[in-house]
Amino acid sequence: MSSRRASFLDGARTVAPVMVGIVPFGLVAGAAAVRVGLSGLHAVGLSVLVFAGASQLAAIELLGENAPAAVVVVTILVINLRMTMYSASLAPYLQEFSTRWRAGMAYVLTDQAYALSVTEFRADESVDRKWYYLGTAVPLWVVWQICTVIGVVVGARVPESLPLEFAVPLTFLAILVPTITDSPSAVAAGVGGSIAVIGAGLPLNLGLITGAVTGVVAGLVVETGWFR
């Protein structure tokens, strides 16, 4: 088995290119929080507590629209439902570790850490799974928090004309496209994305929620063959 240090560094090296896309994403999250009226302390606290880019941005937008707290919480939960599937997928590889370790690893779980780790676990059984996973997840957490703080500090000075918002969908596309490897995932991505775009004008971010739920259902229908 690879050493802890070697596995951690392998994970960190693998995730390094991905962090390039995280930088503008984190800056947008920090700047957006300031723009909707959150204090710097609240913005950083939200980033540390939620630590989930898409739901964090959705929550900021809803808070800026004075949406009810229940709507904000439900939106975060729906967007992060995919983490439940990620956790279930990773569980067989991490079941040997204590509950304390698994709880800590769950906190830093992201799309990127999941995709990179599960790919490595399937390809190399000799890797130290815990430390490889932490090597992918912890640098992302650190960079995200630093970028969020920078976004909070300089957010008010960023011109409105600077389209930082494009970093968010571009980052997700970079993550999404390599994971579309079969018909169910292609259908889920196509249906979910289409519905989200069509419903973009719905209040309280309902278009995003509807797209996420519809995409998951469509992918399940194709995977299980319910339509046959």
Foldseek 3Di string as FASTA:
>chain_A
DDDLVVLLVVLLVVQVVLVVLLLLLLLCQQLLLVVLPHALVVSLVLCLVLVARPLSNLLSVCVSVVHDPVLSVVSSCLVCVVLVVLCVLCCVVDVVDDPVLSVVLSSQDYLFLSVVLSVCVVVDVPRPSSSNSCSNRVVSSVSSSVSSSVSNVCSVVDDPPPPSVVSVVVSVCVSLVVVPDDDLSVQLVVQLVVQLVVCVPPPSSVSNSVSNVRSNVSSVCVVVVVVD
